[in-house]
Amino acid sequence: MQFGLFSVGDVTTDPTTDTTVSEHERIAAMTKIALKAEEVGLDVFATGEHHNPPFVPSSPTTLLGWIAAKTQHLTLSTATTLITTNDPVKIAEDYAMLQHLAEGRVDLTLGRGNTGPVYPWFGKDIRQGIPLAIENYHLLRRLWREPVVDWEGEFRTPLQGYTSTPAPLDGTPPFVWHGSIRSPEIAEQAAFYGDGFFHNNIFWNKEHTEQMVRLYRQRFEHYGHGSADQAIVGLGGQVFMAETEAEAKRRFRPYFDNAPVYGHGPSLEDFEQMTPLTVGTPEQVIEKTLAFADYAGDYQRQLFLLDHAGLPLEQVLEQVEILGTQVVPVLRKEFELRRPAHVPSDPPSHASLVAAGPESPHHLVVPAQNLVAAKEA
């Protein structure tokens, strides 16, 4: 099973010191956090994509390319790449280039984004978010799998005799996750193609998460990719740890109370009760995280949000150290003990997709084995 970090790259005032880092300092901090993740044995670092203050990661491939040059084992991913407001032609180019630079240590999570004003900035209509996601992703699949593409759709100019360069490394496109917190259409899309489904459940109760993941699993099986419990699932999480629960809450409460998204809302205790947030000891984090599989099933990737709400870099690095040395080793062992033999431990990697060969379903534009179901979709 893979464990890692995702960052939204917010620039938020530290409520305990009333200081705000510069954009340059925040970008530098994200790179240091990624390097620390590899140092302590985590598997994945994922960056968000935002084009508005107070966020800095507007160019994920630039950031991940720098990290790729400084690491050897870390899988580089996104949380998320905007499939709606980015041109799929540019996504195909950028992530294939990153794939080459990182020697294949790349996958990406596609999503619609949750910032409405971004759409008109890039000439798009948010009311067309779902159709944009569907059309753009199908074109992206063709660009990565066909040497010459002739294409015409609703949302961009036609392509005639177009070849995307560079082609994916070893002729093998990156594995794709589809990220969604509320749209069943996106869970359906992930299932149709046999891709991964990442439910970033940090703001949602377990009943909602269970419902979304169950839908994806059922449709994954419907399209002939395997049994429902073999579907590739990723979840989010949010933690802050200390030696005692009281100390963790004392230290984290000011950041929670003033966080730009959920601050001045539910209490820390209520939010912990409703969502995956765990503020306490490493043992409490282990206990609550293991319980995710009770309602989401055996899954393959767990990403944690640690660097947000103005937390200073030194505290984030301390949290990464605790996560990598005290929490993840236990989670790896316990999750694998409960996992049935026929359920994959890890999501597909570049190496496993290359090993599967060029005739494998991953290389097909429409890999649904249940062709009748695919035609009816």
Protein backbone atom coordinates (compact mmCIF):
# COMPACT_ATOMS: atom_id res chain seq x y z
CA MET A 1 0.00 0.00 0.00
CA GLN A 2 1.22 3.51 -0.79
CA PHE A 3 1.39 6.30 1.76
CA GLY A 4 2.25 9.88 1.12
CA LEU A 5 1.48 13.57 1.38
CA PHE A 6 -0.56 16.02 -0.60
CA SER A 7 -0.24 19.79 -0.39
CA VAL A 8 -2.65 22.49 -1.47
CA GLY A 9 0.13 25.10 -1.22
CA ASP A 10 -1.81 27.74 0.70
CA VAL A 11 -0.11 30.89 1.99
CA THR A 12 -1.87 31.43 5.31
CA THR A 13 -0.94 33.69 8.21
CA ASP A 14 0.32 31.82 11.26
CA PRO A 15 -2.31 32.74 13.87
CA THR A 16 0.12 32.16 16.75
CA THR A 17 2.73 34.66 15.50
CA ASP A 18 0.74 36.80 13.06
CA THR A 19 3.45 36.23 10.43
CA THR A 20 2.93 35.27 6.81
CA VAL A 21 5.58 33.61 4.68
CA SER A 22 6.26 34.93 1.19
CA GLU A 23 5.26 32.99 -1.90
CA HIS A 24 8.93 32.17 -2.45
CA GLU A 25 9.24 30.78 1.08
CA ARG A 26 6.09 28.70 0.66
CA ILE A 27 7.31 27.17 -2.60
CA ALA A 28 10.66 26.40 -1.00
CA ALA A 29 8.85 24.82 1.96
CA MET A 30 6.85 22.51 -0.31
CA THR A 31 10.04 21.20 -1.89
CA LYS A 32 11.61 20.60 1.53
CA ILE A 33 8.52 18.71 2.66
CA ALA A 34 8.71 16.47 -0.41
CA LEU A 35 12.37 15.69 0.24
CA LYS A 36 11.56 14.90 3.86
CA ALA A 37 8.81 12.54 2.69
CA GLU A 38 11.34 10.51 0.71
CA GLU A 39 13.83 10.61 3.58
CA VAL A 40 11.39 8.98 6.02
CA GLY A 41 10.22 6.33 3.57
CA LEU A 42 6.92 7.71 2.28
CA ASP A 43 5.88 6.72 -1.24
CA VAL A 44 4.08 9.68 -2.78
CA PHE A 45 4.16 13.46 -2.89
CA ALA A 46 1.25 15.19 -4.62
CA THR A 47 0.74 18.89 -5.26
CA GLY A 48 -2.48 20.71 -5.92
CA GLU A 49 -3.02 23.09 -8.81
CA HIS A 50 -4.40 26.55 -8.08
CA HIS A 51 -4.41 29.78 -10.04
CA ASN A 52 -5.60 32.18 -7.36
CA PRO A 53 -4.36 33.59 -4.05
CA PRO A 54 -3.68 32.45 -1.38
CA PHE A 55 -2.24 29.42 -3.22
CA VAL A 56 1.13 29.12 -4.99
CA PRO A 57 1.25 25.86 -7.01
CA SER A 58 0.05 27.15 -10.39
CA SER A 59 2.57 25.00 -12.30
CA PRO A 60 2.61 21.46 -10.87
CA THR A 61 4.95 19.98 -13.46
CA THR A 62 7.57 22.65 -12.75
CA LEU A 63 7.48 21.90 -9.04
CA LEU A 64 7.42 18.13 -9.54
CA GLY A 65 10.24 18.30 -12.09
CA TRP A 66 12.46 19.99 -9.48
CA ILE A 67 11.51 17.37 -6.90
CA ALA A 68 12.17 14.59 -9.41
CA ALA A 69 15.74 15.82 -9.82
CA LYS A 70 16.30 15.68 -6.04
CA THR A 71 14.69 12.28 -5.31
CA GLN A 72 15.10 8.67 -6.34
CA HIS A 73 12.05 6.74 -5.16
CA LEU A 74 9.18 9.15 -4.55
CA THR A 75 6.15 8.85 -6.85
CA LEU A 76 5.21 12.33 -8.04
CA SER A 77 1.51 13.06 -8.40
CA THR A 78 -1.09 15.80 -8.33
CA ALA A 79 -4.05 16.67 -6.18
CA THR A 80 -5.49 17.64 -8.65
CA THR A 81 -4.65 18.50 -12.27
CA LEU A 82 -7.50 20.60 -13.68
CA ILE A 83 -8.87 18.59 -16.60
CA THR A 84 -11.54 21.23 -17.22
CA THR A 85 -9.60 24.50 -17.52
CA ASN A 86 -6.32 23.06 -18.86
CA ASP A 87 -6.07 22.16 -22.53
CA PRO A 88 -5.72 18.36 -22.76
CA VAL A 89 -3.10 18.88 -25.48
CA LYS A 90 -0.92 20.74 -22.98
CA ILE A 91 -1.59 18.19 -20.23
CA ALA A 92 -0.47 15.42 -22.60
CA GLU A 93 2.76 17.26 -23.37
CA ASP A 94 3.59 18.42 -19.85
CA TYR A 95 3.04 15.15 -18.01
CA ALA A 96 4.74 13.04 -20.67
CA MET A 97 7.76 15.35 -20.36
CA LEU A 98 7.68 15.01 -16.57
CA GLN A 99 7.37 11.25 -16.94
CA HIS A 100 10.60 11.17 -18.97
CA LEU A 101 12.47 13.43 -16.54
CA ALA A 102 11.34 11.38 -13.52
CA GLU A 103 12.12 8.01 -15.18
CA GLY A 104 8.48 7.02 -14.91
CA ARG A 105 7.84 8.02 -11.28
CA VAL A 106 4.71 9.93 -12.24
CA ASP A 107 0.97 9.54 -12.05
CA LEU A 108 -1.67 12.23 -11.85
CA THR A 109 -5.09 12.92 -10.39
CA LEU A 110 -7.54 14.70 -12.65
CA GLY A 111 -10.30 16.86 -11.23
CA ARG A 112 -12.63 19.74 -11.99
CA GLY A 113 -11.35 22.02 -9.24
CA ASN A 114 -13.41 23.80 -6.62
CA THR A 115 -12.72 27.46 -7.44
CA GLY A 116 -15.46 28.87 -9.64
CA PRO A 117 -13.68 32.02 -10.91
CA VAL A 118 -10.90 29.93 -12.48
CA TYR A 119 -13.17 28.81 -15.31
CA PRO A 120 -13.65 32.21 -17.04
CA TRP A 121 -9.96 33.03 -16.52
CA PHE A 122 -9.21 30.18 -18.91
CA GLY A 123 -12.15 30.82 -21.21
CA LYS A 124 -14.39 28.08 -19.81
CA ASP A 125 -17.90 27.92 -18.36
CA ILE A 126 -18.22 26.27 -14.93
CA ARG A 127 -21.74 25.16 -15.87
CA GLN A 128 -20.06 22.84 -18.38
CA GLY A 129 -17.70 21.34 -15.78
CA ILE A 130 -18.81 17.72 -16.12
CA PRO A 131 -19.01 17.67 -19.95
CA LEU A 132 -15.59 19.38 -20.08
CA ALA A 133 -14.08 16.73 -17.81
CA ILE A 134 -15.53 13.91 -19.90
CA GLU A 135 -14.57 15.27 -23.32
CA ASN A 136 -11.12 16.50 -22.32
CA TYR A 137 -10.14 13.25 -20.67
CA HIS A 138 -11.16 11.12 -23.64
CA LEU A 139 -9.03 13.35 -25.88
CA LEU A 140 -6.12 13.07 -23.43
CA ARG A 141 -6.33 9.27 -23.64
CA ARG A 142 -6.17 9.41 -27.42
CA LEU A 143 -3.22 11.83 -27.40
CA TRP A 144 -1.25 9.44 -25.19
CA ARG A 145 -2.22 6.28 -27.09
CA GLU A 146 -2.48 7.16 -30.78
CA PRO A 147 0.52 8.37 -32.83
CA VAL A 148 -1.66 10.61 -35.02
CA VAL A 149 -4.94 12.11 -33.83
CA ASP A 150 -7.80 13.52 -35.85
CA TRP A 151 -10.38 14.88 -33.44
CA GLU A 152 -13.35 17.22 -33.23
CA GLY A 153 -15.36 18.05 -30.12
CA GLU A 154 -17.41 20.76 -28.45
CA PHE A 155 -14.93 22.64 -26.30
CA ARG A 156 -11.73 23.22 -28.31
CA THR A 157 -10.62 23.63 -31.90
CA PRO A 158 -10.36 20.44 -33.98
CA LEU A 159 -7.10 18.53 -34.40
CA GLN A 160 -5.98 17.27 -37.80
CA GLY A 161 -3.04 14.90 -38.09
CA TYR A 162 -1.78 15.94 -34.66
CA THR A 163 1.05 14.12 -32.86
CA SER A 164 1.70 14.87 -29.18
CA THR A 165 5.37 15.16 -28.23
CA PRO A 166 7.07 13.73 -26.37
CA ALA A 167 5.24 10.43 -26.50
CA PRO A 168 4.83 8.77 -23.08
CA LEU A 169 7.93 7.06 -21.71
CA ASP A 170 8.28 3.50 -23.06
CA GLY A 171 5.05 4.06 -24.98
CA THR A 172 3.18 3.75 -21.67
CA PRO A 173 0.90 6.58 -20.51
CA PRO A 174 0.95 7.57 -16.82
CA PHE A 175 -1.63 5.96 -14.56
CA VAL A 176 -4.55 8.31 -13.92
CA TRP A 177 -6.70 8.80 -10.86
CA HIS A 178 -9.97 10.75 -11.02
CA GLY A 179 -10.48 12.93 -7.96
CA SER A 180 -13.93 13.86 -6.76
CA ILE A 181 -15.59 14.64 -3.46
CA ARG A 182 -19.19 15.00 -4.62
CA SER A 183 -19.74 14.09 -8.30
CA PRO A 184 -20.97 10.57 -9.09
CA GLU A 185 -20.30 11.28 -12.78
CA ILE A 186 -16.57 11.37 -12.04
CA ALA A 187 -16.70 8.08 -10.12
CA GLU A 188 -18.48 6.65 -13.17
CA GLN A 189 -15.78 8.04 -15.47
CA ALA A 190 -13.01 6.45 -13.41
CA ALA A 191 -14.81 3.12 -13.46
CA PHE A 192 -15.51 3.24 -17.22
CA TYR A 193 -11.81 3.50 -18.04
CA GLY A 194 -10.60 1.23 -15.26
CA ASP A 195 -8.65 4.13 -13.73
CA GLY A 196 -8.14 4.91 -10.06
CA PHE A 197 -10.65 6.85 -7.97
CA PHE A 198 -9.30 9.26 -5.36
CA HIS A 199 -11.87 10.45 -2.86
CA ASN A 200 -10.34 13.32 -0.93
CA ASN A 201 -12.60 12.81 2.03
CA ILE A 202 -11.10 15.39 4.40
CA PHE A 203 -14.31 17.42 4.56
CA TRP A 204 -16.81 14.58 4.42
CA ASN A 205 -18.37 12.10 6.78
CA LYS A 206 -17.72 8.41 6.32
CA GLU A 207 -21.24 7.73 5.05
CA HIS A 208 -20.69 10.01 2.06
CA THR A 209 -17.26 8.52 1.38
CA GLU A 210 -18.66 5.01 1.59
CA GLN A 211 -21.40 5.86 -0.90
CA MET A 212 -19.03 7.40 -3.47
CA VAL A 213 -16.45 4.61 -3.25
CA ARG A 214 -19.13 1.93 -3.43
CA LEU A 215 -20.52 3.47 -6.63
CA TYR A 216 -17.06 3.47 -8.21
CA ARG A 217 -16.39 -0.12 -7.18
CA GLN A 218 -19.73 -1.36 -8.52
CA ARG A 219 -19.25 0.35 -11.87
CA PHE A 220 -15.61 -0.81 -12.10
CA GLU A 221 -16.89 -4.38 -11.92
CA HIS A 222 -19.76 -3.59 -14.30
CA TYR A 223 -17.28 -2.56 -17.01
CA GLY A 224 -15.34 -5.79 -16.67
CA HIS A 225 -12.11 -4.56 -15.09
CA GLY A 226 -12.24 -6.99 -12.17
CA SER A 227 -14.26 -7.56 -9.04
CA ALA A 228 -15.49 -4.56 -7.09
CA ASP A 229 -13.02 -5.14 -4.30
CA GLN A 230 -10.14 -5.02 -6.80
CA ALA A 231 -10.91 -1.45 -7.88
CA ILE A 232 -8.09 1.07 -7.29
CA VAL A 233 -9.05 3.49 -4.51
CA GLY A 234 -7.20 6.34 -2.82
CA LEU A 235 -8.28 8.36 0.22
CA GLY A 236 -7.26 11.60 1.86
CA GLY A 237 -6.53 12.23 5.52
CA GLN A 238 -5.58 15.02 7.84
CA VAL A 239 -3.54 14.69 11.03
CA PHE A 240 -1.60 16.55 13.68
CA MET A 241 0.31 14.57 16.28
CA ALA A 242 2.04 14.99 19.63
CA GLU A 243 2.94 12.79 22.58
CA THR A 244 -0.48 13.33 24.14
CA GLU A 245 -3.87 14.16 22.70
CA ALA A 246 -4.12 17.23 24.90
CA GLU A 247 -0.78 18.56 23.65
CA ALA A 248 -1.71 17.93 20.02
CA LYS A 249 -5.01 19.78 20.41
CA ARG A 250 -3.37 22.65 22.28
CA ARG A 251 -0.84 23.14 19.50
CA PHE A 252 -3.16 22.63 16.53
CA ARG A 253 -6.32 24.38 17.72
CA PRO A 254 -5.28 27.94 16.75
CA TYR A 255 -4.52 26.77 13.21
CA PHE A 256 -7.77 24.85 12.93
CA ASP A 257 -9.86 27.71 14.28
CA ASN A 258 -8.43 30.16 11.75
CA ALA A 259 -8.01 27.89 8.72
CA PRO A 260 -9.22 29.62 5.53
CA VAL A 261 -11.59 26.78 4.56
CA TYR A 262 -13.13 25.43 7.75
CA GLY A 263 -12.08 27.98 10.34
CA HIS A 264 -14.78 29.75 12.37
CA GLY A 265 -17.09 26.80 11.70
CA PRO A 266 -17.49 23.52 13.60
CA SER A 267 -15.35 22.98 16.66
CA LEU A 268 -12.17 20.93 16.37
CA GLU A 269 -13.83 18.12 18.30
CA ASP A 270 -16.95 18.13 16.11
CA PHE A 271 -14.87 18.19 12.94
CA GLU A 272 -12.83 15.23 14.17
CA GLN A 273 -16.04 13.34 14.85
CA MET A 274 -17.44 14.05 11.39
CA THR A 275 -14.35 13.73 9.17
CA PRO A 276 -11.02 11.83 8.94
CA LEU A 277 -9.19 14.60 10.83
CA THR A 278 -7.20 13.15 13.74
CA VAL A 279 -5.49 15.41 16.25
CA GLY A 280 -3.83 13.28 18.88
CA THR A 281 -1.16 10.66 19.37
CA PRO A 282 0.40 8.48 16.66
CA GLU A 283 -1.56 5.57 18.10
CA GLN A 284 -4.84 7.44 17.64
CA VAL A 285 -3.91 8.26 14.04
CA ILE A 286 -3.18 4.57 13.40
CA GLU A 287 -6.48 3.48 14.93
CA LYS A 288 -8.62 5.96 12.99
CA THR A 289 -6.83 5.48 9.67
CA LEU A 290 -7.18 1.69 9.85
CA ALA A 291 -10.91 2.21 10.28
CA PHE A 292 -11.12 3.87 6.84
CA ALA A 293 -11.03 0.41 5.26
CA ASP A 294 -14.05 -0.65 7.29
CA TYR A 295 -16.27 1.58 5.14
CA ALA A 296 -14.19 2.17 2.00
CA GLY A 297 -12.88 -1.37 1.57
CA ASP A 298 -9.26 -2.43 1.07
CA TYR A 299 -7.61 0.43 -0.78
CA GLN A 300 -4.24 1.23 -2.33
CA ARG A 301 -3.21 4.82 -1.58
CA GLN A 302 -3.49 6.97 1.53
CA LEU A 303 -2.40 10.61 1.30
CA PHE A 304 -2.24 12.96 4.28
CA LEU A 305 -2.54 16.75 4.38
CA LEU A 306 -0.05 18.19 6.89
CA ASP A 307 1.15 21.58 5.62
CA HIS A 308 -1.78 23.94 5.72
CA ALA A 309 -3.50 26.66 7.73
CA GLY A 310 -0.24 28.53 8.39
CA LEU A 311 1.64 25.75 10.18
CA PRO A 312 5.34 26.68 10.20
CA LEU A 313 7.72 24.52 8.21
CA GLU A 314 9.56 23.15 11.24
CA GLN A 315 6.31 21.80 12.68
CA VAL A 316 5.32 20.25 9.34
CA LEU A 317 8.69 18.51 9.04
CA GLU A 318 8.25 17.20 12.58
CA GLN A 319 4.84 15.80 11.57
CA VAL A 320 6.33 14.15 8.47
CA GLU A 321 9.01 12.53 10.63
CA ILE A 322 6.42 11.11 13.05
CA LEU A 323 4.23 9.92 10.21
CA GLY A 324 7.06 8.18 8.40
CA THR A 325 8.75 6.58 11.39
CA GLN A 326 5.96 5.82 13.87
CA VAL A 327 2.68 5.66 11.94
CA VAL A 328 3.17 4.39 8.40
CA PRO A 329 5.21 1.26 9.30
CA VAL A 330 2.35 0.08 11.51
CA LEU A 331 -0.30 0.99 8.94
CA ARG A 332 1.55 -0.91 6.19
CA LYS A 333 1.66 -4.06 8.29
CA GLU A 334 -1.91 -3.88 9.56
CA PHE A 335 -3.52 -3.03 6.22
CA GLU A 336 -1.73 -5.92 4.53
CA LEU A 337 -2.74 -8.37 7.23
CA ARG A 338 -6.40 -7.75 6.45
CA ARG A 339 -6.10 -7.53 2.65
CA PRO A 340 -7.37 -10.58 0.66
CA ALA A 341 -4.78 -12.13 -1.65
CA HIS A 342 -6.71 -11.21 -4.81
CA VAL A 343 -6.88 -7.49 -3.95
CA PRO A 344 -3.86 -5.45 -5.18
CA SER A 345 -1.74 -3.82 -2.52
CA ASP A 346 -0.46 -0.99 -4.70
CA PRO A 347 -1.88 1.01 -7.58
CA PRO A 348 -0.33 0.47 -11.02
CA SER A 349 3.14 1.95 -11.48
CA HIS A 350 5.10 2.72 -14.62
CA ALA A 351 7.09 -0.49 -14.14
CA SER A 352 4.00 -2.66 -13.70
CA LEU A 353 2.24 -1.09 -16.69
CA VAL A 354 5.29 -1.59 -18.91
CA ALA A 355 5.58 -5.19 -17.72
CA ALA A 356 1.91 -5.80 -18.64
CA GLY A 357 2.86 -5.17 -22.26
CA PRO A 358 1.55 -3.00 -25.09
CA GLU A 359 -1.54 -5.18 -25.55
CA SER A 360 -2.76 -4.64 -22.00
CA PRO A 361 -6.03 -2.73 -21.38
CA HIS A 362 -4.11 0.32 -20.11
CA HIS A 363 -2.93 1.00 -23.66
CA LEU A 364 -6.46 1.05 -25.09
CA VAL A 365 -8.39 4.28 -25.46
CA VAL A 366 -11.52 2.48 -24.24
CA PRO A 367 -10.39 -0.48 -22.12
CA ALA A 368 -13.80 -1.56 -20.87
CA GLN A 369 -13.95 -5.32 -21.37
CA ASN A 370 -17.72 -5.31 -21.14
CA LEU A 371 -18.18 -3.76 -24.58
CA VAL A 372 -21.96 -3.93 -24.44
CA ALA A 373 -21.91 -1.93 -21.22
CA ALA A 374 -19.39 0.49 -22.72
CA LYS A 375 -21.62 1.14 -25.74
CA GLU A 376 -24.63 1.70 -23.52
CA ALA A 377 -22.77 4.17 -21.25
